[in-house]
Amino acid sequence: MYVRYPRTAAVRTAVALLGALVLSGAALSAHSIIGLMSRDFAFPAKAFASSPTAGTDRAIPIKWGAGDSGLRLICFYVANASAERADRPGWPRITAAGFELPGRRSGFALVEPLDGKWELAEGQRVQLNGHTVSLDFAIVASRTPTPSFWSPRNPRGIPPGQKAERGSGTRFCVSGPFPDEPPPPNVDPPAEPITTRIEDIINGVVVGFEGVDGVPFGIDAGVWDNPARIIPLYPK
């Protein structure tokens, strides 16, 4: 993600134990995301991120024969649930979606879409609520000759006014070393690792917005609107 987000009031947090219990609990239905700077506005920046078909969707192992490459494939949707601005139709727009994952990981690749409108960048660092947060990867809207908010011909990113429901918005598919859940203990022979639920990966999403009314330079960042979403989610 290519922007540094200004300091703002602290996002709601919870006791670390509560966060761990919630984050490792039952499968989630999807993630409502709200801008950290605009959350108390009448029309805050909002997004909705979801796995493709259900809260139990899991990453898909990439294998050749009996060998496991260690790579996994996930797909997910990101919708721009923000209300469209009356003074600037088509804005605000989502221009990035990055992810915090446990550990330090690299080797991610964008599989879909491949129309040149989006790029994947690794090792991005952003400022959220005064904290420096390391994103393992971010999908960023590609720059165009006229990407400006003030000159919005063919603007980049995801437009506002989309439904906050599964399958709404833009679908992204990414391959990479996504973490597995630990196998069940005391199993002989040892069980294969269980791939992680996509919704659990989305816990660490950070969504970038541009053209948000009332915030400096129109730039805001949003995270999962849940008390368990501490910042950073995975300190590194």
C-alpha atoms as a PDB file:
ATOM      1  CA  MET A   1       0.000   0.000   0.000  1.00  0.00           C
ATOM      2  CA  TYR A   2       1.561   3.249  -1.103  1.00  0.00           C
ATOM      3  CA  VAL A   3       0.182   5.878   1.298  1.00  0.00           C
ATOM      4  CA  ARG A   4       0.872   6.799   4.910  1.00  0.00           C
ATOM      5  CA  TYR A   5      -2.305   7.358   6.851  1.00  0.00           C
ATOM      6  CA  PRO A   6      -2.395  10.237   9.361  1.00  0.00           C
ATOM      7  CA  ARG A   7      -2.711   9.627  13.096  1.00  0.00           C
ATOM      8  CA  THR A   8      -6.297   9.625  14.373  1.00  0.00           C
ATOM      9  CA  ALA A   9      -8.264   8.568  17.453  1.00  0.00           C
ATOM     10  CA  ALA A  10      -7.607   4.991  18.544  1.00  0.00           C
ATOM     11  CA  VAL A  11      -9.789   2.296  17.044  1.00  0.00           C
ATOM     12  CA  ARG A  12     -11.813   0.317  19.546  1.00  0.00           C
ATOM     13  CA  THR A  13      -9.684  -2.392  21.151  1.00  0.00           C
ATOM     14  CA  ALA A  14     -10.263  -5.264  23.508  1.00  0.00           C
ATOM     15  CA  VAL A  15      -8.260  -7.300  25.962  1.00  0.00           C
ATOM     16  CA  ALA A  16      -5.766  -9.412  24.007  1.00  0.00           C
ATOM     17  CA  LEU A  17      -7.263 -12.625  25.322  1.00  0.00           C
ATOM     18  CA  LEU A  18     -10.722 -11.656  24.094  1.00  0.00           C
ATOM     19  CA  GLY A  19      -9.250 -10.844  20.690  1.00  0.00           C
ATOM     20  CA  ALA A  20      -7.509 -14.207  20.488  1.00  0.00           C
ATOM     21  CA  LEU A  21     -10.682 -16.041  21.423  1.00  0.00           C
ATOM     22  CA  VAL A  22     -12.776 -14.195  18.857  1.00  0.00           C
ATOM     23  CA  LEU A  23     -10.204 -14.449  16.084  1.00  0.00           C
ATOM     24  CA  SER A  24      -9.825 -18.199  16.550  1.00  0.00           C
ATOM     25  CA  GLY A  25     -13.516 -18.906  17.052  1.00  0.00           C
ATOM     26  CA  ALA A  26     -16.271 -20.023  14.740  1.00  0.00           C
ATOM     27  CA  ALA A  27     -16.208 -19.198  11.035  1.00  0.00           C
ATOM     28  CA  LEU A  28     -17.184 -15.642  10.270  1.00  0.00           C
ATOM     29  CA  SER A  29     -19.881 -14.646   7.829  1.00  0.00           C
ATOM     30  CA  ALA A  30     -17.895 -11.740   6.321  1.00  0.00           C
ATOM     31  CA  HIS A  31     -16.135  -8.536   7.335  1.00  0.00           C
ATOM     32  CA  SER A  32     -17.586  -5.036   7.561  1.00  0.00           C
ATOM     33  CA  ILE A  33     -14.793  -2.455   7.304  1.00  0.00           C
ATOM     34  CA  ILE A  34     -14.953   1.208   8.276  1.00  0.00           C
ATOM     35  CA  GLY A  35     -12.507   4.079   7.807  1.00  0.00           C
ATOM     36  CA  LEU A  36     -10.487   4.960  10.900  1.00  0.00           C
ATOM     37  CA  MET A  37     -10.587   8.697  10.283  1.00  0.00           C
ATOM     38  CA  SER A  38     -14.140   8.963   8.962  1.00  0.00           C
ATOM     39  CA  ARG A  39     -15.828   6.390  11.222  1.00  0.00           C
ATOM     40  CA  ASP A  40     -17.737   9.060  13.168  1.00  0.00           C
ATOM     41  CA  PHE A  41     -18.817  10.995  10.076  1.00  0.00           C
ATOM     42  CA  ALA A  42     -22.385  10.952   8.813  1.00  0.00           C
ATOM     43  CA  PHE A  43     -21.098   9.133   5.710  1.00  0.00           C
ATOM     44  CA  PRO A  44     -17.938   7.234   6.640  1.00  0.00           C
ATOM     45  CA  ALA A  45     -15.775   5.288   4.209  1.00  0.00           C
ATOM     46  CA  LYS A  46     -16.988   1.686   4.257  1.00  0.00           C
ATOM     47  CA  ALA A  47     -16.022  -1.598   2.633  1.00  0.00           C
ATOM     48  CA  PHE A  48     -17.152  -5.210   2.779  1.00  0.00           C
ATOM     49  CA  ALA A  49     -14.740  -8.126   2.339  1.00  0.00           C
ATOM     50  CA  SER A  50     -15.862 -11.723   2.019  1.00  0.00           C
ATOM     51  CA  SER A  51     -14.780 -15.193   0.993  1.00  0.00           C
ATOM     52  CA  PRO A  52     -16.413 -16.406  -2.251  1.00  0.00           C
ATOM     53  CA  THR A  53     -19.178 -18.766  -1.115  1.00  0.00           C
ATOM     54  CA  ALA A  54     -19.298 -19.223   2.679  1.00  0.00           C
ATOM     55  CA  GLY A  55     -17.567 -18.427   5.935  1.00  0.00           C
ATOM     56  CA  THR A  56     -15.999 -21.898   5.844  1.00  0.00           C
ATOM     57  CA  ASP A  57     -14.152 -21.395   2.515  1.00  0.00           C
ATOM     58  CA  ARG A  58     -10.510 -22.405   2.880  1.00  0.00           C
ATOM     59  CA  ALA A  59      -7.274 -21.676   1.079  1.00  0.00           C
ATOM     60  CA  ILE A  60      -6.518 -24.219  -1.664  1.00  0.00           C
ATOM     61  CA  PRO A  61      -3.150 -26.043  -1.543  1.00  0.00           C
ATOM     62  CA  ILE A  62      -1.055 -25.861  -4.723  1.00  0.00           C
ATOM     63  CA  LYS A  63       0.433 -29.311  -5.303  1.00  0.00           C
ATOM     64  CA  TRP A  64       2.229 -31.256  -7.985  1.00  0.00           C
ATOM     65  CA  GLY A  65       1.599 -34.964  -7.612  1.00  0.00           C
ATOM     66  CA  ALA A  66       2.112 -35.916  -3.990  1.00  0.00           C
ATOM     67  CA  GLY A  67       4.350 -32.914  -3.284  1.00  0.00           C
ATOM     68  CA  ASP A  68       3.068 -29.838  -1.494  1.00  0.00           C
ATOM     69  CA  SER A  69       4.594 -26.599  -2.775  1.00  0.00           C
ATOM     70  CA  GLY A  70       3.772 -24.793   0.477  1.00  0.00           C
ATOM     71  CA  LEU A  71       1.803 -22.277  -1.569  1.00  0.00           C
ATOM     72  CA  ARG A  72      -1.911 -21.681  -1.156  1.00  0.00           C
ATOM     73  CA  LEU A  73      -4.517 -19.948  -3.321  1.00  0.00           C
ATOM     74  CA  ILE A  74      -7.266 -17.753  -1.909  1.00  0.00           C
ATOM     75  CA  CYS A  75     -10.009 -15.721  -3.578  1.00  0.00           C
ATOM     76  CA  PHE A  76     -12.049 -13.005  -1.910  1.00  0.00           C
ATOM     77  CA  TYR A  77     -14.323 -10.089  -2.762  1.00  0.00           C
ATOM     78  CA  VAL A  78     -13.944  -6.440  -1.799  1.00  0.00           C
ATOM     79  CA  ALA A  79     -16.967  -4.152  -2.177  1.00  0.00           C
ATOM     80  CA  ASN A  80     -17.095  -0.393  -1.686  1.00  0.00           C
ATOM     81  CA  ALA A  81     -20.089   0.093   0.617  1.00  0.00           C
ATOM     82  CA  SER A  82     -19.463   3.841   1.005  1.00  0.00           C
ATOM     83  CA  ALA A  83     -22.256   6.236   0.109  1.00  0.00           C
ATOM     84  CA  GLU A  84     -21.515   8.127  -3.091  1.00  0.00           C
ATOM     85  CA  ARG A  85     -20.631  11.765  -2.563  1.00  0.00           C
ATOM     86  CA  ALA A  86     -23.289  14.210  -3.687  1.00  0.00           C
ATOM     87  CA  ASP A  87     -20.643  16.767  -4.710  1.00  0.00           C
ATOM     88  CA  ARG A  88     -18.344  14.272  -6.438  1.00  0.00           C
ATOM     89  CA  PRO A  89     -20.215  11.415  -8.131  1.00  0.00           C
ATOM     90  CA  GLY A  90     -18.192   8.200  -8.254  1.00  0.00           C
ATOM     91  CA  TRP A  91     -16.252   8.934  -5.056  1.00  0.00           C
ATOM     92  CA  PRO A  92     -14.862   7.831  -2.593  1.00  0.00           C
ATOM     93  CA  ARG A  93     -13.091   4.882  -4.177  1.00  0.00           C
ATOM     94  CA  ILE A  94     -11.228   1.882  -2.820  1.00  0.00           C
ATOM     95  CA  THR A  95      -7.707   1.927  -4.221  1.00  0.00           C
ATOM     96  CA  ALA A  96      -5.927  -0.695  -2.100  1.00  0.00           C
ATOM     97  CA  ALA A  97      -6.454  -3.774   0.058  1.00  0.00           C
ATOM     98  CA  GLY A  98      -3.526  -5.028   2.124  1.00  0.00           C
ATOM     99  CA  PHE A  99      -3.173  -7.880   4.610  1.00  0.00           C
ATOM    100  CA  GLU A 100      -1.466  -8.486   7.938  1.00  0.00           C
ATOM    101  CA  LEU A 101      -0.502 -12.137   8.342  1.00  0.00           C
ATOM    102  CA  PRO A 102       1.273 -13.902  11.204  1.00  0.00           C
ATOM    103  CA  GLY A 103       5.038 -14.122  10.796  1.00  0.00           C
ATOM    104  CA  ARG A 104       7.003 -12.631   7.921  1.00  0.00           C
ATOM    105  CA  ARG A 105       5.994 -13.909   4.501  1.00  0.00           C
ATOM    106  CA  SER A 106       6.852 -13.197   0.875  1.00  0.00           C
ATOM    107  CA  GLY A 107       6.280 -14.773  -2.521  1.00  0.00           C
ATOM    108  CA  PHE A 108       2.711 -13.639  -3.184  1.00  0.00           C
ATOM    109  CA  ALA A 109       1.323 -13.206  -6.697  1.00  0.00           C
ATOM    110  CA  LEU A 110      -1.872 -11.718  -8.076  1.00  0.00           C
ATOM    111  CA  VAL A 111      -3.767 -14.372 -10.035  1.00  0.00           C
ATOM    112  CA  GLU A 112      -6.995 -12.454 -10.721  1.00  0.00           C
ATOM    113  CA  PRO A 113      -7.771  -9.902 -12.089  1.00  0.00           C
ATOM    114  CA  LEU A 114      -5.022  -9.603 -14.685  1.00  0.00           C
ATOM    115  CA  ASP A 115      -6.473  -6.727 -16.687  1.00  0.00           C
ATOM    116  CA  GLY A 116      -3.732  -4.286 -15.715  1.00  0.00           C
ATOM    117  CA  LYS A 117      -5.950  -2.332 -13.320  1.00  0.00           C
ATOM    118  CA  TRP A 118      -4.416  -3.823 -10.162  1.00  0.00           C
ATOM    119  CA  GLU A 119      -0.903  -4.639  -8.963  1.00  0.00           C
ATOM    120  CA  LEU A 120       0.485  -6.590  -6.005  1.00  0.00           C
ATOM    121  CA  ALA A 121       3.192  -5.144  -3.771  1.00  0.00           C
ATOM    122  CA  GLU A 122       4.898  -6.908  -0.849  1.00  0.00           C
ATOM    123  CA  GLY A 123       6.331  -5.654   2.429  1.00  0.00           C
ATOM    124  CA  GLN A 124       4.298  -2.459   2.631  1.00  0.00           C
ATOM    125  CA  ARG A 125       4.335  -0.365   5.823  1.00  0.00           C
ATOM    126  CA  VAL A 126       1.477   1.961   6.746  1.00  0.00           C
ATOM    127  CA  GLN A 127       0.590   4.195   9.673  1.00  0.00           C
ATOM    128  CA  LEU A 128      -2.675   3.269  11.424  1.00  0.00           C
ATOM    129  CA  ASN A 129      -3.741   5.097  14.573  1.00  0.00           C
ATOM    130  CA  GLY A 130      -0.161   6.067  15.295  1.00  0.00           C
ATOM    131  CA  HIS A 131       1.163   2.523  14.840  1.00  0.00           C
ATOM    132  CA  THR A 132       3.457   1.375  12.064  1.00  0.00           C
ATOM    133  CA  VAL A 133       1.836  -1.716  10.566  1.00  0.00           C
ATOM    134  CA  SER A 134       3.631  -4.176   8.272  1.00  0.00           C
ATOM    135  CA  LEU A 135       1.485  -5.610   5.489  1.00  0.00           C
ATOM    136  CA  ASP A 136       2.724  -8.844   3.966  1.00  0.00           C
ATOM    137  CA  PHE A 137       1.161  -7.857   0.664  1.00  0.00           C
ATOM    138  CA  ALA A 138      -1.216  -5.274  -0.750  1.00  0.00           C
ATOM    139  CA  ILE A 139      -3.283  -5.166  -3.926  1.00  0.00           C
ATOM    140  CA  VAL A 140      -3.116  -1.619  -5.255  1.00  0.00           C
ATOM    141  CA  ALA A 141      -5.026   0.050  -8.070  1.00  0.00           C
ATOM    142  CA  SER A 142      -2.637   0.788 -10.935  1.00  0.00           C
ATOM    143  CA  ARG A 143      -1.777   4.379 -11.706  1.00  0.00           C
ATOM    144  CA  THR A 144      -3.229   5.816 -14.903  1.00  0.00           C
ATOM    145  CA  PRO A 145      -2.360   8.985 -16.848  1.00  0.00           C
ATOM    146  CA  THR A 146      -5.326  10.695 -15.148  1.00  0.00           C
ATOM    147  CA  PRO A 147      -5.733   9.165 -11.683  1.00  0.00           C
ATOM    148  CA  SER A 148      -6.483  12.424  -9.892  1.00  0.00           C
ATOM    149  CA  PHE A 149      -9.543  12.940  -7.727  1.00  0.00           C
ATOM    150  CA  TRP A 150      -9.846  16.392  -9.249  1.00  0.00           C
ATOM    151  CA  SER A 151      -9.547  15.082 -12.808  1.00  0.00           C
ATOM    152  CA  PRO A 152     -11.579  11.897 -12.517  1.00  0.00           C
ATOM    153  CA  ARG A 153     -11.699  10.699 -16.112  1.00  0.00           C
ATOM    154  CA  ASN A 154     -11.597   6.918 -15.950  1.00  0.00           C
ATOM    155  CA  PRO A 155     -10.756   6.915 -12.219  1.00  0.00           C
ATOM    156  CA  ARG A 156      -9.010   3.907 -10.778  1.00  0.00           C
ATOM    157  CA  GLY A 157     -10.229   1.644  -8.006  1.00  0.00           C
ATOM    158  CA  ILE A 158     -13.604   0.345  -6.856  1.00  0.00           C
ATOM    159  CA  PRO A 159     -16.558   2.789  -7.031  1.00  0.00           C
ATOM    160  CA  PRO A 160     -18.946   3.457  -4.117  1.00  0.00           C
ATOM    161  CA  GLY A 161     -22.537   2.364  -3.591  1.00  0.00           C
ATOM    162  CA  GLN A 162     -21.998  -1.409  -3.730  1.00  0.00           C
ATOM    163  CA  LYS A 163     -23.932  -3.857  -1.587  1.00  0.00           C
ATOM    164  CA  ALA A 164     -22.423  -5.093   1.657  1.00  0.00           C
ATOM    165  CA  GLU A 165     -23.026  -8.739   0.883  1.00  0.00           C
ATOM    166  CA  ARG A 166     -21.016 -11.803  -0.098  1.00  0.00           C
ATOM    167  CA  GLY A 167     -19.947 -11.807  -3.733  1.00  0.00           C
ATOM    168  CA  SER A 168     -20.387  -8.056  -4.161  1.00  0.00           C
ATOM    169  CA  GLY A 169     -17.605  -5.888  -5.558  1.00  0.00           C
ATOM    170  CA  THR A 170     -14.354  -7.002  -7.186  1.00  0.00           C
ATOM    171  CA  ARG A 171     -12.984 -10.528  -6.902  1.00  0.00           C
ATOM    172  CA  PHE A 172      -9.298 -10.967  -6.205  1.00  0.00           C
ATOM    173  CA  CYS A 173      -7.328 -14.218  -6.230  1.00  0.00           C
ATOM    174  CA  VAL A 174      -3.822 -14.393  -4.741  1.00  0.00           C
ATOM    175  CA  SER A 175      -1.313 -17.231  -4.426  1.00  0.00           C
ATOM    176  CA  GLY A 176       1.380 -17.333  -1.778  1.00  0.00           C
ATOM    177  CA  PRO A 177       2.639 -18.841   1.487  1.00  0.00           C
ATOM    178  CA  PHE A 178      -0.557 -18.360   3.465  1.00  0.00           C
ATOM    179  CA  PRO A 179      -0.362 -19.974   6.908  1.00  0.00           C
ATOM    180  CA  ASP A 180      -1.974 -23.320   7.704  1.00  0.00           C
ATOM    181  CA  GLU A 181      -3.786 -24.208  10.883  1.00  0.00           C
ATOM    182  CA  PRO A 182      -1.819 -26.670  13.036  1.00  0.00           C
ATOM    183  CA  PRO A 183      -2.809 -30.320  12.541  1.00  0.00           C
ATOM    184  CA  PRO A 184      -4.694 -32.106  15.328  1.00  0.00           C
ATOM    185  CA  PRO A 185      -2.308 -33.342  18.063  1.00  0.00           C
ATOM    186  CA  ASN A 186      -1.672 -36.968  18.962  1.00  0.00           C
ATOM    187  CA  VAL A 187      -2.729 -38.352  15.591  1.00  0.00           C
ATOM    188  CA  ASP A 188      -0.805 -41.341  14.194  1.00  0.00           C
ATOM    189  CA  PRO A 189       0.075 -41.070  11.386  1.00  0.00           C
ATOM    190  CA  PRO A 190       0.271 -37.259  11.672  1.00  0.00           C
ATOM    191  CA  ALA A 191      -2.601 -35.535   9.944  1.00  0.00           C
ATOM    192  CA  GLU A 192      -1.952 -33.136   7.079  1.00  0.00           C
ATOM    193  CA  PRO A 193      -2.072 -29.427   7.941  1.00  0.00           C
ATOM    194  CA  ILE A 194      -5.486 -27.844   7.624  1.00  0.00           C
ATOM    195  CA  THR A 195      -5.579 -24.849   5.307  1.00  0.00           C
ATOM    196  CA  THR A 196      -6.773 -21.620   6.881  1.00  0.00           C
ATOM    197  CA  ARG A 197     -10.264 -20.242   6.441  1.00  0.00           C
ATOM    198  CA  ILE A 198     -10.271 -17.280   4.067  1.00  0.00           C
ATOM    199  CA  GLU A 199     -12.399 -15.304   6.506  1.00  0.00           C
ATOM    200  CA  ASP A 200      -9.652 -15.721   9.136  1.00  0.00           C
ATOM    201  CA  ILE A 201      -7.129 -14.290   6.667  1.00  0.00           C
ATOM    202  CA  ILE A 202      -9.469 -11.346   6.051  1.00  0.00           C
ATOM    203  CA  ASN A 203      -9.275 -10.520   9.781  1.00  0.00           C
ATOM    204  CA  GLY A 204      -6.059  -8.663   8.962  1.00  0.00           C
ATOM    205  CA  VAL A 205      -7.302  -6.678   5.963  1.00  0.00           C
ATOM    206  CA  VAL A 206      -6.504  -2.959   5.641  1.00  0.00           C
ATOM    207  CA  VAL A 207      -8.501  -1.118   2.965  1.00  0.00           C
ATOM    208  CA  GLY A 208      -7.292   2.133   1.414  1.00  0.00           C
ATOM    209  CA  PHE A 209      -9.770   4.813   0.327  1.00  0.00           C
ATOM    210  CA  GLU A 210      -9.295   7.959  -1.764  1.00  0.00           C
ATOM    211  CA  GLY A 211     -11.641  10.910  -2.253  1.00  0.00           C
ATOM    212  CA  VAL A 212     -13.176  10.701   1.237  1.00  0.00           C
ATOM    213  CA  ASP A 213     -14.918  13.950   2.161  1.00  0.00           C
ATOM    214  CA  GLY A 214     -13.663  15.725   5.267  1.00  0.00           C
ATOM    215  CA  VAL A 215     -10.305  13.971   5.831  1.00  0.00           C
ATOM    216  CA  PRO A 216      -6.838  15.328   4.923  1.00  0.00           C
ATOM    217  CA  PHE A 217      -6.122  14.869   1.216  1.00  0.00           C
ATOM    218  CA  GLY A 218      -9.232  12.656   0.993  1.00  0.00           C
ATOM    219  CA  ILE A 219      -7.230   9.616   2.159  1.00  0.00           C
ATOM    220  CA  ASP A 220      -8.511   7.141   4.745  1.00  0.00           C
ATOM    221  CA  ALA A 221      -7.789   3.564   5.788  1.00  0.00           C
ATOM    222  CA  GLY A 222     -10.283   1.047   7.097  1.00  0.00           C
ATOM    223  CA  VAL A 223     -10.017  -2.135   9.138  1.00  0.00           C
ATOM    224  CA  TRP A 224     -12.446  -4.804  10.309  1.00  0.00           C
ATOM    225  CA  ASP A 225     -15.125  -3.131  12.444  1.00  0.00           C
ATOM    226  CA  ASN A 226     -14.818  -5.453  15.426  1.00  0.00           C
ATOM    227  CA  PRO A 227     -13.481  -4.830  18.968  1.00  0.00           C
ATOM    228  CA  ALA A 228     -11.134  -7.793  18.463  1.00  0.00           C
ATOM    229  CA  ARG A 229      -9.341  -5.981  15.634  1.00  0.00           C
ATOM    230  CA  ILE A 230      -6.352  -4.608  17.510  1.00  0.00           C
ATOM    231  CA  ILE A 231      -3.684  -2.573  15.692  1.00  0.00           C
ATOM    232  CA  PRO A 232      -1.335  -4.098  14.753  1.00  0.00           C
ATOM    233  CA  LEU A 233      -3.043  -7.464  14.621  1.00  0.00           C
ATOM    234  CA  TYR A 234       0.277  -9.318  14.301  1.00  0.00           C
ATOM    235  CA  PRO A 235       3.171  -7.272  15.774  1.00  0.00           C
ATOM    236  CA  LYS A 236       6.415  -7.841  13.861  1.00  0.00           C
END
